[in-house]
């Protein structure tokens, strides 16, 4: 969402020309503040719904006994 102050660019990810053409109409869509607030109530900002999206966590950071003191 470009209106969010932390977002500097919208990244789209079509794999085919058909997908790209289907997404181009979204350029004219604008969500109201009320809709955005409702979305934030359902999924609060910063929520990770898929653990696989969290990235790799090095074991030496997650296991306190392996950290330097």
C-alpha atoms as a PDB file:
ATOM      1  CA  UNK A   1       0.000   0.000   0.000  1.00  0.00           C
ATOM      2  CA  UNK A   2       1.637   3.165  -1.198  1.00  0.00           C
ATOM      3  CA  UNK A   3      -0.247   5.410   1.281  1.00  0.00           C
ATOM      4  CA  UNK A   4       1.465   3.726   4.235  1.00  0.00           C
ATOM      5  CA  UNK A   5       4.459   5.829   5.361  1.00  0.00           C
ATOM      6  CA  UNK A   6       6.694   2.749   5.668  1.00  0.00           C
ATOM      7  CA  UNK A   7       6.045   1.636   2.072  1.00  0.00           C
ATOM      8  CA  UNK A   8       8.296   3.160  -0.563  1.00  0.00           C
ATOM      9  CA  UNK A   9       7.270   1.027  -3.547  1.00  0.00           C
ATOM     10  CA  UNK A  10       4.521  -1.373  -4.492  1.00  0.00           C
ATOM     11  CA  UNK A  11       5.859  -4.703  -5.684  1.00  0.00           C
ATOM     12  CA  UNK A  12       3.674  -6.823  -7.893  1.00  0.00           C
ATOM     13  CA  UNK A  13       4.537 -10.400  -8.741  1.00  0.00           C
ATOM     14  CA  UNK A  14       2.801 -11.644 -11.863  1.00  0.00           C
ATOM     15  CA  UNK A  15       4.293 -14.736 -13.475  1.00  0.00           C
ATOM     16  CA  UNK A  16       2.475 -14.399 -16.770  1.00  0.00           C
ATOM     17  CA  UNK A  17       1.334 -11.616 -19.050  1.00  0.00           C
ATOM     18  CA  UNK A  18      -2.262 -12.614 -18.274  1.00  0.00           C
ATOM     19  CA  UNK A  19      -1.652 -12.115 -14.550  1.00  0.00           C
ATOM     20  CA  UNK A  20      -0.045  -8.723 -15.198  1.00  0.00           C
ATOM     21  CA  UNK A  21      -2.952  -7.589 -17.322  1.00  0.00           C
ATOM     22  CA  UNK A  22      -5.347  -8.723 -14.592  1.00  0.00           C
ATOM     23  CA  UNK A  23      -3.496  -6.656 -11.986  1.00  0.00           C
ATOM     24  CA  UNK A  24      -3.253  -3.443 -14.003  1.00  0.00           C
ATOM     25  CA  UNK A  25      -6.826  -2.476 -13.135  1.00  0.00           C
ATOM     26  CA  UNK A  26      -5.854  -2.266  -9.469  1.00  0.00           C
ATOM     27  CA  UNK A  27      -3.946   0.947 -10.132  1.00  0.00           C
ATOM     28  CA  UNK A  28      -7.273   2.811  -9.948  1.00  0.00           C
ATOM     29  CA  UNK A  29      -8.415   1.164  -6.700  1.00  0.00           C
ATOM     30  CA  UNK A  30      -8.207   3.317  -3.599  1.00  0.00           C
ATOM     31  CA  UNK A  31      -9.135   1.936  -0.187  1.00  0.00           C
ATOM     32  CA  UNK A  32     -10.723   4.298   2.333  1.00  0.00           C
ATOM     33  CA  UNK A  33      -9.292   4.801   5.797  1.00  0.00           C
ATOM     34  CA  UNK A  34     -12.306   2.939   7.206  1.00  0.00           C
ATOM     35  CA  UNK A  35     -11.554  -0.137   5.093  1.00  0.00           C
ATOM     36  CA  UNK A  36      -7.858  -0.014   5.982  1.00  0.00           C
ATOM     37  CA  UNK A  37      -8.744   0.262   9.685  1.00  0.00           C
ATOM     38  CA  UNK A  38     -11.063  -2.751   9.359  1.00  0.00           C
ATOM     39  CA  UNK A  39      -8.269  -4.753   7.719  1.00  0.00           C
ATOM     40  CA  UNK A  40      -5.892  -3.769  10.537  1.00  0.00           C
ATOM     41  CA  UNK A  41      -8.446  -5.022  13.088  1.00  0.00           C
ATOM     42  CA  UNK A  42      -8.629  -8.409  11.362  1.00  0.00           C
ATOM     43  CA  UNK A  43      -4.869  -8.734  10.825  1.00  0.00           C
ATOM     44  CA  UNK A  44      -2.919  -6.266  12.975  1.00  0.00           C
ATOM     45  CA  UNK A  45       0.143  -4.703  11.305  1.00  0.00           C
ATOM     46  CA  UNK A  46       3.249  -6.809  11.801  1.00  0.00           C
ATOM     47  CA  UNK A  47       1.323 -10.066  12.110  1.00  0.00           C
ATOM     48  CA  UNK A  48       2.986 -13.009  10.387  1.00  0.00           C
ATOM     49  CA  UNK A  49       0.312 -15.467   9.237  1.00  0.00           C
ATOM     50  CA  UNK A  50       2.747 -17.908   7.663  1.00  0.00           C
ATOM     51  CA  UNK A  51       5.756 -19.059   9.663  1.00  0.00           C
ATOM     52  CA  UNK A  52       7.592 -19.785   6.403  1.00  0.00           C
ATOM     53  CA  UNK A  53       7.515 -16.043   5.658  1.00  0.00           C
ATOM     54  CA  UNK A  54       9.478 -15.275   8.816  1.00  0.00           C
ATOM     55  CA  UNK A  55      12.740 -16.226   7.154  1.00  0.00           C
ATOM     56  CA  UNK A  56      15.582 -18.242   8.561  1.00  0.00           C
ATOM     57  CA  UNK A  57      16.459 -17.844  12.202  1.00  0.00           C
ATOM     58  CA  UNK A  58      20.051 -18.823  13.032  1.00  0.00           C
ATOM     59  CA  UNK A  59      20.145 -21.396  15.844  1.00  0.00           C
ATOM     60  CA  UNK A  60      22.934 -19.528  17.619  1.00  0.00           C
ATOM     61  CA  UNK A  61      20.583 -16.572  18.072  1.00  0.00           C
ATOM     62  CA  UNK A  62      17.543 -18.536  19.212  1.00  0.00           C
ATOM     63  CA  UNK A  63      19.407 -20.800  21.657  1.00  0.00           C
ATOM     64  CA  UNK A  64      20.614 -18.692  24.588  1.00  0.00           C
ATOM     65  CA  UNK A  65      23.234 -21.275  25.564  1.00  0.00           C
ATOM     66  CA  UNK A  66      24.987 -20.849  22.199  1.00  0.00           C
ATOM     67  CA  UNK A  67      25.258 -17.061  22.404  1.00  0.00           C
ATOM     68  CA  UNK A  68      28.379 -15.227  23.418  1.00  0.00           C
ATOM     69  CA  UNK A  69      28.032 -13.543  26.748  1.00  0.00           C
END
